[in-house]
Amino acid sequence: MMTSFFDQFISPSYLGVPLIAIAIIMPWILYPGSSPRWLNNRLTTLQEWFINQFTNQLMMPLNTGGHKWALLLTSLMIFLATTNMLGLLPYTFTPTTQLSLNLGLAVPLWLATVIIGLRNQPTIALGHLLPEGTPILLIPMLIVIETISLLIRPLALGVRLTANLTAGHLLIQLIATAVFVLMPMLPTVAILSAIVLFLLTLLEIAVAMIQAYVFVLLLSLYLQENI
């Protein structure tokens, strides 16, 4: 019996080995690899079509220099979406509910986009800190505000993903607990709660996909500003 609803977000370990490592590796095992055959099966064809459509949609606003990030961003999208979806299964652990993992993904990638901007176009990159036509008295204040807004971007990426997934999992657990408690006493209310739980699960599936897409989309927008 769980002592707290938040116990599900504690990273489990077995024999001193953190199982979060296995949870991170698992998504890549589920996807079929490339085949030397001329014609692939339906699953591989659907997978390639989805990856091509997503990559084209993501790289469309970027110039040629940003296309080097296509493999990295597409792989990150597949990893986040698969991990979020697997976390909705019973008795599983969702690594992306850990703020440390999300910040570990967001900070290096955001920092890479900033470094690229400072290396390729330092004047334009620094110019983002001070809008054109700013009054002289407001220049120091605006530089501080823009610097803070720039530094808070990776934190916002990680917190957004963590908060949305954590809230969804807590709602599912609360309603599922209510269904089990109300079933012997109020069957009608329990059935209605079960219907709400089913609809909420469908919503969480959509949220899992959308949050993975938003994470990668914002990274691509940060990249677009610096290339």
Protein backbone atom coordinates (compact mmCIF):
# COMPACT_ATOMS: atom_id res chain seq x y z
CA MET A 1 0.00 0.00 0.00
CA MET A 2 1.40 3.33 -1.04
CA THR A 3 1.84 5.82 1.80
CA SER A 4 1.68 8.84 -0.49
CA PHE A 5 0.42 9.67 -3.97
CA PHE A 6 3.85 11.10 -4.72
CA ASP A 7 5.63 7.79 -4.08
CA GLN A 8 5.04 6.88 -7.73
CA PHE A 9 7.51 9.62 -8.74
CA ILE A 10 10.37 8.26 -6.65
CA SER A 11 13.06 6.76 -8.86
CA PRO A 12 13.08 3.01 -8.06
CA SER A 13 16.24 0.96 -7.68
CA TYR A 14 17.04 -2.76 -7.60
CA LEU A 15 20.17 -4.09 -5.92
CA GLY A 16 21.47 -0.55 -5.76
CA VAL A 17 21.03 -0.02 -9.54
CA PRO A 18 18.67 2.88 -10.44
CA LEU A 19 15.99 1.55 -12.77
CA ILE A 20 15.67 4.93 -14.44
CA ALA A 21 18.57 3.86 -16.67
CA ILE A 22 16.55 0.88 -17.93
CA ALA A 23 13.51 3.11 -18.42
CA ILE A 24 15.60 5.45 -20.58
CA ILE A 25 17.01 2.61 -22.71
CA MET A 26 13.69 0.80 -23.23
CA PRO A 27 12.14 3.19 -25.83
CA TRP A 28 14.94 2.51 -28.30
CA ILE A 29 14.48 -1.27 -28.03
CA LEU A 30 10.82 -1.03 -29.04
CA TYR A 31 11.47 0.56 -32.43
CA PRO A 32 12.38 -1.74 -35.34
CA GLY A 33 15.69 -1.13 -37.04
CA SER A 34 16.36 -0.64 -40.73
CA SER A 35 16.05 -3.65 -43.01
CA PRO A 36 18.16 -4.53 -46.08
CA ARG A 37 14.99 -5.53 -47.94
CA TRP A 38 13.61 -3.37 -50.69
CA LEU A 39 10.10 -3.47 -49.21
CA ASN A 40 9.59 -2.98 -45.48
CA ASN A 41 6.68 -4.21 -43.41
CA ARG A 42 3.75 -1.97 -42.49
CA LEU A 43 5.12 -1.04 -39.06
CA THR A 44 8.48 0.10 -40.41
CA THR A 45 6.81 1.97 -43.28
CA LEU A 46 4.48 3.78 -40.88
CA GLN A 47 7.42 4.62 -38.61
CA GLU A 48 9.47 6.06 -41.49
CA TRP A 49 6.47 8.07 -42.75
CA PHE A 50 5.85 9.58 -39.31
CA ILE A 51 9.53 10.47 -38.82
CA ASN A 52 9.76 12.05 -42.29
CA GLN A 53 6.60 14.11 -41.77
CA PHE A 54 7.70 15.32 -38.37
CA THR A 55 11.22 16.16 -39.55
CA ASN A 56 9.92 18.11 -42.54
CA GLN A 57 7.49 20.04 -40.33
CA LEU A 58 10.18 20.81 -37.77
CA MET A 59 12.90 21.85 -40.23
CA MET A 60 10.66 23.93 -42.50
CA PRO A 61 11.18 27.27 -40.66
CA LEU A 62 14.95 26.73 -40.32
CA ASN A 63 17.59 27.58 -42.88
CA THR A 64 20.14 25.10 -44.20
CA GLY A 65 22.44 25.51 -41.20
CA GLY A 66 19.73 24.34 -38.84
CA HIS A 67 19.14 21.11 -40.78
CA LYS A 68 22.18 19.62 -39.08
CA TRP A 69 20.02 19.35 -35.96
CA ALA A 70 17.36 17.24 -37.68
CA LEU A 71 18.62 13.89 -36.40
CA LEU A 72 19.09 15.14 -32.84
CA LEU A 73 15.72 16.87 -32.54
CA THR A 74 13.80 14.02 -34.19
CA SER A 75 15.47 11.45 -31.93
CA LEU A 76 14.65 13.59 -28.90
CA MET A 77 11.00 13.84 -29.96
CA ILE A 78 10.73 10.06 -30.39
CA PHE A 79 12.41 9.44 -27.05
CA LEU A 80 10.20 11.87 -25.12
CA ALA A 81 6.96 10.74 -26.76
CA THR A 82 7.69 7.04 -26.23
CA THR A 83 8.83 7.55 -22.64
CA ASN A 84 5.73 9.60 -21.82
CA MET A 85 3.45 6.99 -23.38
CA LEU A 86 5.11 4.07 -21.61
CA GLY A 87 4.71 5.92 -18.32
CA LEU A 88 0.92 5.69 -18.67
CA LEU A 89 1.04 1.89 -18.41
CA PRO A 90 0.27 0.37 -14.98
CA TYR A 91 3.21 -0.38 -12.67
CA THR A 92 5.67 1.60 -14.76
CA PHE A 93 7.98 4.50 -13.98
CA THR A 94 8.08 7.69 -16.06
CA PRO A 95 11.60 9.18 -16.21
CA THR A 96 10.28 12.45 -17.63
CA THR A 97 8.49 13.20 -14.36
CA GLN A 98 11.95 13.79 -12.89
CA LEU A 99 12.98 17.45 -13.13
CA SER A 100 16.65 16.45 -13.07
CA LEU A 101 16.31 14.44 -16.29
CA ASN A 102 14.31 17.14 -18.08
CA LEU A 103 16.81 19.83 -17.09
CA GLY A 104 19.61 17.51 -18.15
CA LEU A 105 18.07 17.47 -21.62
CA ALA A 106 17.03 21.12 -21.78
CA VAL A 107 20.10 22.94 -20.43
CA PRO A 108 22.80 21.47 -22.75
CA LEU A 109 20.64 21.83 -25.88
CA TRP A 110 19.62 25.40 -25.00
CA LEU A 111 23.23 26.27 -24.19
CA ALA A 112 24.32 24.84 -27.55
CA THR A 113 21.89 27.13 -29.40
CA VAL A 114 23.18 30.16 -27.46
CA ILE A 115 26.82 29.28 -28.15
CA ILE A 116 26.06 28.83 -31.86
CA GLY A 117 24.45 32.28 -31.95
CA LEU A 118 27.36 33.93 -30.15
CA ARG A 119 29.87 32.23 -32.45
CA ASN A 120 28.18 32.81 -35.80
CA GLN A 121 26.47 36.18 -35.27
CA PRO A 122 27.54 37.74 -31.96
CA THR A 123 26.13 41.18 -32.76
CA ILE A 124 22.63 39.89 -33.51
CA ALA A 125 22.71 37.47 -30.57
CA LEU A 126 23.64 40.22 -28.12
CA GLY A 127 21.22 42.60 -29.84
CA HIS A 128 18.32 40.44 -28.62
CA LEU A 129 19.07 41.68 -25.12
CA LEU A 130 18.22 45.26 -26.05
CA PRO A 131 15.25 46.04 -28.34
CA GLU A 132 15.77 48.77 -30.92
CA GLY A 133 14.56 52.21 -29.97
CA THR A 134 14.72 51.67 -26.22
CA PRO A 135 14.90 54.91 -24.14
CA ILE A 136 18.29 55.49 -22.55
CA LEU A 137 16.90 55.39 -19.00
CA LEU A 138 15.39 51.94 -19.56
CA ILE A 139 18.47 50.35 -21.12
CA PRO A 140 20.00 48.89 -17.90
CA MET A 141 16.66 47.54 -16.69
CA LEU A 142 15.77 45.97 -20.05
CA ILE A 143 19.18 44.30 -20.35
CA VAL A 144 18.67 42.68 -16.94
CA ILE A 145 15.11 41.60 -17.79
CA GLU A 146 16.08 40.15 -21.18
CA THR A 147 19.07 38.34 -19.66
CA ILE A 148 16.84 36.77 -17.00
CA SER A 149 14.28 35.75 -19.62
CA LEU A 150 17.06 34.15 -21.66
CA LEU A 151 18.49 32.23 -18.71
CA ILE A 152 15.07 31.03 -17.58
CA ARG A 153 14.29 29.29 -20.88
CA PRO A 154 15.80 25.88 -20.04
CA LEU A 155 14.16 25.97 -16.62
CA ALA A 156 10.80 26.66 -18.25
CA LEU A 157 11.33 23.75 -20.66
CA GLY A 158 12.07 21.29 -17.88
CA VAL A 159 9.41 22.51 -15.45
CA ARG A 160 6.68 22.56 -18.14
CA LEU A 161 7.28 18.94 -19.09
CA THR A 162 7.61 17.78 -15.48
CA ALA A 163 4.55 19.65 -14.21
CA ASN A 164 2.20 18.52 -16.98
CA LEU A 165 3.11 14.85 -16.67
CA THR A 166 3.10 14.90 -12.87
CA ALA A 167 -0.32 16.57 -12.71
CA GLY A 168 -1.79 14.09 -15.16
CA HIS A 169 -0.46 11.06 -13.29
CA LEU A 170 -1.74 12.42 -9.98
CA LEU A 171 -5.23 12.99 -11.41
CA ILE A 172 -5.33 9.48 -12.83
CA GLN A 173 -4.29 7.97 -9.51
CA LEU A 174 -6.77 10.07 -7.52
CA ILE A 175 -9.73 9.15 -9.74
CA ALA A 176 -8.69 5.47 -9.88
CA THR A 177 -8.50 5.38 -6.08
CA ALA A 178 -11.96 6.99 -5.88
CA VAL A 179 -13.38 4.34 -8.24
CA PHE A 180 -12.11 1.48 -6.04
CA VAL A 181 -13.33 3.14 -2.85
CA LEU A 182 -16.81 4.02 -4.19
CA MET A 183 -17.50 0.75 -6.01
CA PRO A 184 -18.93 -1.17 -3.00
CA MET A 185 -20.81 1.86 -1.59
CA LEU A 186 -22.00 3.89 -4.59
CA PRO A 187 -21.75 1.78 -7.78
CA THR A 188 -23.39 4.43 -9.97
CA VAL A 189 -20.95 7.14 -8.90
CA ALA A 190 -18.08 4.68 -9.30
CA ILE A 191 -19.12 3.88 -12.88
CA LEU A 192 -19.34 7.58 -13.71
CA SER A 193 -15.90 8.08 -12.17
CA ALA A 194 -14.57 5.19 -14.26
CA ILE A 195 -15.89 6.88 -17.42
CA VAL A 196 -14.16 10.11 -16.38
CA LEU A 197 -10.99 8.09 -15.74
CA PHE A 198 -11.14 6.63 -19.25
CA LEU A 199 -11.60 10.04 -20.82
CA LEU A 200 -8.78 11.45 -18.69
CA THR A 201 -6.50 8.63 -19.83
CA LEU A 202 -7.21 9.52 -23.46
CA LEU A 203 -6.43 13.16 -22.62
CA GLU A 204 -3.16 12.15 -20.97
CA ILE A 205 -2.15 10.19 -24.08
CA ALA A 206 -2.64 13.39 -26.10
CA VAL A 207 -0.77 15.42 -23.46
CA ALA A 208 2.14 12.97 -23.56
CA MET A 209 2.50 13.46 -27.31
CA ILE A 210 1.88 17.21 -27.26
CA GLN A 211 4.38 17.92 -24.47
CA ALA A 212 7.11 16.01 -26.30
CA TYR A 213 6.35 18.00 -29.46
CA VAL A 214 6.29 21.34 -27.59
CA PHE A 215 9.64 20.58 -25.94
CA VAL A 216 11.32 19.94 -29.28
CA LEU A 217 9.47 22.76 -31.05
CA LEU A 218 10.66 25.35 -28.53
CA LEU A 219 14.23 24.09 -28.91
CA SER A 220 13.93 24.52 -32.68
CA LEU A 221 12.64 28.07 -32.17
CA TYR A 222 15.60 28.87 -29.93
CA LEU A 223 17.85 27.45 -32.63
CA GLN A 224 16.12 29.55 -35.28
CA GLU A 225 16.93 32.73 -33.35
CA ASN A 226 20.64 31.94 -33.35
CA ILE A 227 21.36 30.75 -36.90
